[in-house]
Amino acid sequence: MTVRQLGNGIARSTVKHGVRWSNKFGVALLTAACCTASALAQSGTLEQHAKLNLIAVPASGNAPTMWVGVLFHLDPGWHVYWQNPGDSGTPPKIEWHVPSSYRVGTIRWPTPKRLGSGSVVDYGYENQVLLMAPIERAGGAVIASLPLTADVKYVVCREICIAGKAHVELGASVSGDPAPDAVQVQALFQETQAQLPKPAPASWKISVKQDEEHFAVTVTGAPAIKALSFFPLDSDEIENSAPQPFASTQDGFGLTLRKSDQLVKPISTLRGLIVLGPGRAYQIAAPVAQ
C-alpha cells in the first residue's frame, strides 16, 4: 500500500490486486477484481468517513463488455450524493483511465434515498453504494490485459461535509484461477443492477400540467399504488422538501409537485424517477403542457 499526502490536506492510499481472466469457450471473462483506496482528512483526527473499492465483472454471454464500478463504504450516518444532489452537496465525479481501444460508458445510478428534513432535503446514499459503468472493447479484440484506474472526487456529509479524493487501481492478467472474492463481487453487481431505475412501462401514459405553483403528473395505464416518491433529475425544478401528495385513480395515479422558488422559466420536459417501492423505480421524461 502506498499513501500520498495531497496538497489540500487529503491523503490518498492505493492497494493493488490482480484481475483474473478465463478463456473458457474462447471468451475472456473477468471473474473478479478488487482494489481499495481510503481517503483520510488530515486535520486533527477527523476521518474521511468513506472507503472506496474499484471492482469489476464480465458482462453476461459473449457481449464485448465488462462492468466496472467504484464501491463506496460509508460510516454510519454519513452519505454521498445522487446525480441530482438536491438542496446541497455534489455528486461523485469519476475520471476513468483505460487503454485507448476501450470506452467507458455513463454511470448507472442506483435509486437514491431522500436525506434530511425540514427545509433542506438531499438525494443520495448511505452505508454502501456501487456506481457502476460498462466498458466496451473493439469488436473481436482479444483481451490479454486491461489495466484500469480511476480518480474519484466526492463529498461525504453528516452534520458537516468533507471533500475527498481517491485514486483507485485495478490490474488485469490472463488466468484460469478464480479470485477468492469473485462470488462476492458478482453479487454486488447483481444487487446494484436490481436497484437501477427501469424505463417506464410501455402501458403508462404520462401527462404533466402546471400552474403557477405546481406540476400535476397524471399516469394512466398503471395499477393502484400504495407508496410513491418522485426524484427530479434536474435541479431547481421542484421544491425538494415539499410534500408530494399522490392518489390512485380509476386507471392509474396522480401526483402533485410544488415548483421550486429557483425555477425562473418554464420547462418543456419533466424528467425524474417515479419510485413505487423497492425495485420499482421508473424513469420518466414527460412533456409539460404550457
Protein backbone atom coordinates (compact mmCIF):
# COMPACT_ATOMS: atom_id res chain seq x y z
CA MET A 1 0.00 0.00 0.00
CA THR A 2 1.19 3.47 -0.81
CA VAL A 3 -0.13 6.65 0.78
CA ARG A 4 0.50 10.10 -0.62
CA GLN A 5 -0.30 13.39 1.10
CA LEU A 6 -2.06 15.76 -1.28
CA GLY A 7 -1.68 19.49 -1.28
CA ASN A 8 -5.21 20.07 0.00
CA GLY A 9 -4.61 18.06 3.16
CA ILE A 10 -6.34 14.87 2.00
CA ALA A 11 -4.37 11.65 1.94
CA ARG A 12 -4.60 9.16 -0.89
CA SER A 13 -3.92 5.48 -0.47
CA THR A 14 -3.76 2.74 -3.07
CA VAL A 15 -3.81 -1.03 -2.83
CA LYS A 16 -3.29 -3.16 -5.93
CA HIS A 17 -4.78 -6.58 -6.56
CA GLY A 18 -4.78 -8.79 -9.63
CA VAL A 19 -7.65 -9.21 -12.08
CA ARG A 20 -8.25 -12.76 -13.20
CA TRP A 21 -9.50 -13.81 -16.62
CA SER A 22 -10.68 -17.16 -18.03
CA ASN A 23 -10.52 -18.10 -21.72
CA LYS A 24 -13.10 -20.91 -21.42
CA PHE A 25 -15.22 -21.23 -24.58
CA GLY A 26 -12.81 -18.85 -26.28
CA VAL A 27 -14.15 -15.80 -24.41
CA ALA A 28 -12.05 -13.88 -21.93
CA LEU A 29 -14.13 -13.47 -18.80
CA LEU A 30 -13.20 -11.32 -15.88
CA THR A 31 -14.10 -13.24 -12.74
CA ALA A 32 -13.15 -10.77 -10.05
CA ALA A 33 -11.08 -7.76 -9.24
CA CYS A 34 -10.80 -5.57 -6.23
CA CYS A 35 -8.73 -2.58 -5.33
CA THR A 36 -9.10 -0.50 -2.18
CA ALA A 37 -8.47 3.18 -1.63
CA SER A 38 -9.17 5.15 1.54
CA ALA A 39 -9.18 8.91 1.82
CA LEU A 40 -8.46 10.50 5.19
CA ALA A 41 -8.65 14.17 6.05
CA GLN A 42 -5.52 15.15 7.91
CA SER A 43 -6.98 17.91 10.08
CA GLY A 44 -6.52 16.52 13.58
CA THR A 45 -8.12 13.08 13.90
CA LEU A 46 -11.07 13.78 11.58
CA GLU A 47 -11.57 10.85 9.21
CA GLN A 48 -12.98 10.99 5.73
CA HIS A 49 -15.76 8.51 6.67
CA ALA A 50 -15.60 6.77 3.27
CA LYS A 51 -13.57 3.92 1.84
CA LEU A 52 -13.55 3.17 -1.86
CA ASN A 53 -13.04 -0.04 -3.85
CA LEU A 54 -12.61 -0.49 -7.59
CA ILE A 55 -14.20 -3.77 -8.67
CA ALA A 56 -15.17 -5.35 -11.99
CA VAL A 57 -17.00 -8.32 -13.52
CA PRO A 58 -17.60 -9.59 -17.06
CA ALA A 59 -20.83 -8.97 -18.89
CA SER A 60 -23.05 -11.97 -19.48
CA GLY A 61 -22.86 -14.04 -22.63
CA ASN A 62 -20.48 -13.15 -25.44
CA ALA A 63 -21.06 -9.39 -25.27
CA PRO A 64 -17.79 -7.44 -25.73
CA THR A 65 -18.45 -5.63 -22.49
CA MET A 66 -17.40 -5.76 -18.86
CA TRP A 67 -18.68 -3.84 -15.89
CA VAL A 68 -16.52 -1.72 -13.62
CA GLY A 69 -17.61 0.17 -10.54
CA VAL A 70 -16.49 2.28 -7.61
CA LEU A 71 -17.86 0.86 -4.35
CA PHE A 72 -18.34 3.36 -1.52
CA HIS A 73 -18.29 2.06 2.07
CA LEU A 74 -19.69 4.83 4.30
CA ASP A 75 -19.56 5.23 8.07
CA PRO A 76 -22.97 5.09 9.83
CA GLY A 77 -24.90 8.33 9.38
CA TRP A 78 -22.72 9.60 6.52
CA HIS A 79 -23.81 9.85 2.91
CA VAL A 80 -22.71 10.66 -0.64
CA TYR A 81 -24.94 12.15 -3.32
CA TRP A 82 -27.02 11.07 -6.30
CA GLN A 83 -26.56 12.65 -9.75
CA ASN A 84 -29.01 15.38 -8.65
CA PRO A 85 -27.88 16.03 -5.07
CA GLY A 86 -30.99 18.00 -4.09
CA ASP A 87 -30.68 21.13 -1.96
CA SER A 88 -26.96 20.78 -1.18
CA GLY A 89 -23.87 18.75 -1.95
CA THR A 90 -22.37 17.48 -5.18
CA PRO A 91 -22.36 14.01 -6.76
CA PRO A 92 -19.19 11.90 -7.03
CA LYS A 93 -17.15 12.51 -10.14
CA ILE A 94 -15.17 9.61 -11.62
CA GLU A 95 -12.40 10.03 -14.19
CA TRP A 96 -11.75 6.61 -15.70
CA HIS A 97 -8.38 5.68 -17.19
CA VAL A 98 -8.43 2.79 -19.68
CA PRO A 99 -6.46 1.94 -22.85
CA SER A 100 -7.45 3.89 -25.94
CA SER A 101 -9.16 0.88 -27.53
CA TYR A 102 -11.73 0.80 -24.72
CA ARG A 103 -14.62 3.10 -23.90
CA VAL A 104 -16.27 3.58 -20.52
CA GLY A 105 -19.99 4.31 -20.63
CA THR A 106 -22.03 6.53 -18.37
CA ILE A 107 -22.51 5.78 -14.68
CA ARG A 108 -25.61 3.78 -13.82
CA TRP A 109 -27.00 5.48 -10.70
CA PRO A 110 -28.98 3.26 -8.28
CA THR A 111 -32.25 4.58 -6.90
CA PRO A 112 -31.41 7.17 -4.20
CA LYS A 113 -32.95 7.95 -0.82
CA ARG A 114 -34.38 11.21 0.47
CA LEU A 115 -31.98 12.56 3.08
CA GLY A 116 -32.52 15.32 5.60
CA SER A 117 -35.62 17.04 6.93
CA GLY A 118 -37.15 20.46 7.31
CA SER A 119 -36.35 22.90 4.53
CA VAL A 120 -33.27 21.04 3.26
CA VAL A 121 -33.69 17.66 1.57
CA ASP A 122 -30.96 15.92 -0.39
CA TYR A 123 -30.85 12.81 -2.56
CA GLY A 124 -28.13 10.25 -2.02
CA TYR A 125 -26.86 7.04 -0.49
CA GLU A 126 -25.96 5.79 2.98
CA ASN A 127 -23.98 2.75 4.19
CA GLN A 128 -22.84 1.40 0.80
CA VAL A 129 -23.36 2.13 -2.88
CA LEU A 130 -21.79 0.88 -6.10
CA LEU A 131 -21.55 3.33 -9.01
CA MET A 132 -21.14 1.05 -12.00
CA ALA A 133 -20.44 1.66 -15.67
CA PRO A 134 -19.94 -0.55 -18.75
CA ILE A 135 -16.62 -0.84 -20.55
CA GLU A 136 -16.72 -1.80 -24.22
CA ARG A 137 -13.85 -3.04 -26.35
CA ALA A 138 -13.32 -3.07 -30.10
CA GLY A 139 -15.27 -5.89 -31.73
CA GLY A 140 -13.36 -9.15 -31.91
CA ALA A 141 -10.40 -7.88 -29.92
CA VAL A 142 -8.58 -10.45 -27.81
CA ILE A 143 -8.14 -9.30 -24.24
CA ALA A 144 -4.69 -10.05 -22.88
CA SER A 145 -4.62 -7.44 -20.14
CA LEU A 146 -6.66 -4.45 -19.10
CA PRO A 147 -5.17 -2.03 -16.60
CA LEU A 148 -7.90 0.09 -15.05
CA THR A 149 -7.57 3.11 -12.79
CA ALA A 150 -9.89 5.89 -11.73
CA ASP A 151 -9.61 9.23 -9.96
CA VAL A 152 -12.62 9.92 -7.78
CA LYS A 153 -13.71 13.22 -6.26
CA TYR A 154 -16.62 13.18 -3.84
CA VAL A 155 -18.25 14.90 -0.90
CA VAL A 156 -19.31 12.91 2.18
CA CYS A 157 -21.71 14.54 4.64
CA ARG A 158 -23.40 14.17 8.00
CA GLU A 159 -23.76 17.33 10.11
CA ILE A 160 -20.73 18.60 8.20
CA CYS A 161 -19.43 17.90 4.72
CA ILE A 162 -15.90 16.81 3.81
CA ALA A 163 -14.42 16.78 0.31
CA GLY A 164 -12.42 13.68 -0.55
CA LYS A 165 -10.20 12.36 -3.31
CA ALA A 166 -9.11 8.80 -4.05
CA HIS A 167 -7.05 7.11 -6.74
CA VAL A 168 -8.12 3.50 -7.26
CA GLU A 169 -6.41 0.94 -9.44
CA LEU A 170 -7.27 -2.42 -10.88
CA GLY A 171 -4.81 -4.60 -12.80
CA ALA A 172 -5.64 -7.41 -15.24
CA SER A 173 -3.93 -10.69 -16.13
CA VAL A 174 -4.94 -13.83 -18.02
CA SER A 175 -5.51 -16.69 -15.59
CA GLY A 176 -7.88 -19.60 -15.19
CA ASP A 177 -7.76 -19.39 -11.39
CA PRO A 178 -10.79 -17.68 -9.82
CA ALA A 179 -10.11 -14.86 -7.40
CA PRO A 180 -11.20 -15.67 -3.84
CA ASP A 181 -13.75 -12.84 -3.72
CA ALA A 182 -15.30 -13.49 -7.16
CA VAL A 183 -18.69 -14.57 -5.79
CA GLN A 184 -18.98 -11.53 -3.52
CA VAL A 185 -18.02 -9.12 -6.31
CA GLN A 186 -20.51 -10.72 -8.69
CA ALA A 187 -23.24 -10.43 -6.05
CA LEU A 188 -22.54 -6.71 -5.56
CA PHE A 189 -23.10 -6.00 -9.25
CA GLN A 190 -26.25 -8.14 -9.32
CA GLU A 191 -27.67 -6.35 -6.28
CA THR A 192 -26.89 -2.95 -7.80
CA GLN A 193 -28.41 -3.96 -11.13
CA ALA A 194 -31.66 -4.70 -9.29
CA GLN A 195 -31.59 -1.18 -7.78
CA LEU A 196 -31.22 0.62 -11.12
CA PRO A 197 -34.27 2.54 -12.37
CA LYS A 198 -36.07 0.97 -15.32
CA PRO A 199 -37.77 2.68 -18.26
CA ALA A 200 -41.40 3.49 -17.56
CA PRO A 201 -43.70 0.63 -18.66
CA ALA A 202 -45.00 0.93 -22.20
CA SER A 203 -48.56 0.81 -20.83
CA TRP A 204 -48.07 4.05 -18.90
CA LYS A 205 -49.42 7.22 -20.46
CA ILE A 206 -47.88 10.18 -18.65
CA SER A 207 -49.04 13.78 -18.82
CA VAL A 208 -47.91 16.84 -16.88
CA LYS A 209 -49.85 20.04 -16.41
CA GLN A 210 -48.72 23.10 -14.50
CA ASP A 211 -50.00 26.21 -12.84
CA GLU A 212 -48.03 28.99 -11.20
CA GLU A 213 -47.04 26.86 -8.19
CA HIS A 214 -47.37 23.17 -9.06
CA PHE A 215 -46.78 20.38 -11.55
CA ALA A 216 -49.65 17.89 -11.75
CA VAL A 217 -48.47 14.49 -13.01
CA THR A 218 -51.08 12.00 -14.23
CA VAL A 219 -50.26 8.40 -15.13
CA THR A 220 -52.86 6.16 -16.78
CA GLY A 221 -52.49 2.52 -17.63
CA ALA A 222 -50.90 1.78 -14.24
CA PRO A 223 -52.07 -0.30 -11.28
CA ALA A 224 -53.26 1.16 -7.98
CA ILE A 225 -50.38 2.24 -5.74
CA LYS A 226 -49.72 2.41 -2.01
CA ALA A 227 -46.50 4.46 -1.99
CA LEU A 228 -44.85 6.95 -4.31
CA SER A 229 -41.80 9.23 -4.32
CA PHE A 230 -40.53 11.45 -7.11
CA PHE A 231 -36.84 12.25 -7.59
CA PRO A 232 -36.15 15.03 -10.13
CA LEU A 233 -33.24 14.50 -12.48
CA ASP A 234 -32.81 18.24 -12.98
CA SER A 235 -32.08 20.61 -10.12
CA ASP A 236 -34.10 23.70 -9.16
CA GLU A 237 -37.34 22.48 -10.75
CA ILE A 238 -39.32 21.19 -7.78
CA GLU A 239 -39.23 22.05 -4.08
CA ASN A 240 -37.31 19.07 -2.71
CA SER A 241 -38.59 19.42 0.86
CA ALA A 242 -42.25 19.86 -0.07
CA PRO A 243 -44.82 17.06 0.44
CA GLN A 244 -45.63 15.02 -2.67
CA PRO A 245 -49.33 14.17 -2.36
CA PHE A 246 -50.50 11.32 -4.60
CA ALA A 247 -53.63 9.25 -5.09
CA SER A 248 -54.73 6.23 -7.08
CA THR A 249 -57.29 6.88 -9.82
CA GLN A 250 -59.62 4.60 -11.74
CA ASP A 251 -56.90 3.63 -14.20
CA GLY A 252 -53.64 4.88 -12.68
CA PHE A 253 -52.45 7.53 -10.25
CA GLY A 254 -51.81 11.24 -9.88
CA LEU A 255 -49.00 13.18 -8.21
CA THR A 256 -48.63 16.85 -7.29
CA LEU A 257 -45.20 18.50 -7.08
CA ARG A 258 -44.54 22.02 -5.81
CA LYS A 259 -42.39 24.15 -8.09
CA SER A 260 -39.04 25.35 -6.81
CA ASP A 261 -38.61 29.00 -5.93
CA GLN A 262 -35.44 28.79 -8.04
CA LEU A 263 -37.35 27.88 -11.21
CA VAL A 264 -37.15 31.09 -13.23
CA LYS A 265 -38.51 29.95 -16.60
CA PRO A 266 -40.95 27.29 -17.83
CA ILE A 267 -39.63 23.82 -18.59
CA SER A 268 -40.70 21.73 -21.56
CA THR A 269 -40.00 18.28 -20.09
CA LEU A 270 -40.20 16.94 -16.54
CA ARG A 271 -37.51 14.31 -16.02
CA GLY A 272 -37.13 12.14 -12.98
CA LEU A 273 -37.79 8.87 -11.19
CA ILE A 274 -41.16 7.63 -10.01
CA VAL A 275 -40.46 5.18 -7.18
CA LEU A 276 -43.30 2.90 -6.09
CA GLY A 277 -41.28 0.72 -3.73
CA PRO A 278 -38.09 -1.40 -3.54
CA GLY A 279 -37.03 -2.46 -7.03
CA ARG A 280 -39.84 -0.39 -8.59
CA ALA A 281 -38.16 2.82 -9.77
CA TYR A 282 -39.08 4.09 -13.24
CA GLN A 283 -37.53 6.82 -15.37
CA ILE A 284 -39.87 9.34 -16.93
CA ALA A 285 -39.39 12.22 -19.34
CA ALA A 286 -42.84 13.74 -19.83
CA PRO A 287 -43.74 16.85 -21.86
CA VAL A 288 -45.12 19.67 -19.74
CA ALA A 289 -48.26 21.33 -21.05
CA GLN A 290 -47.74 25.07 -21.21
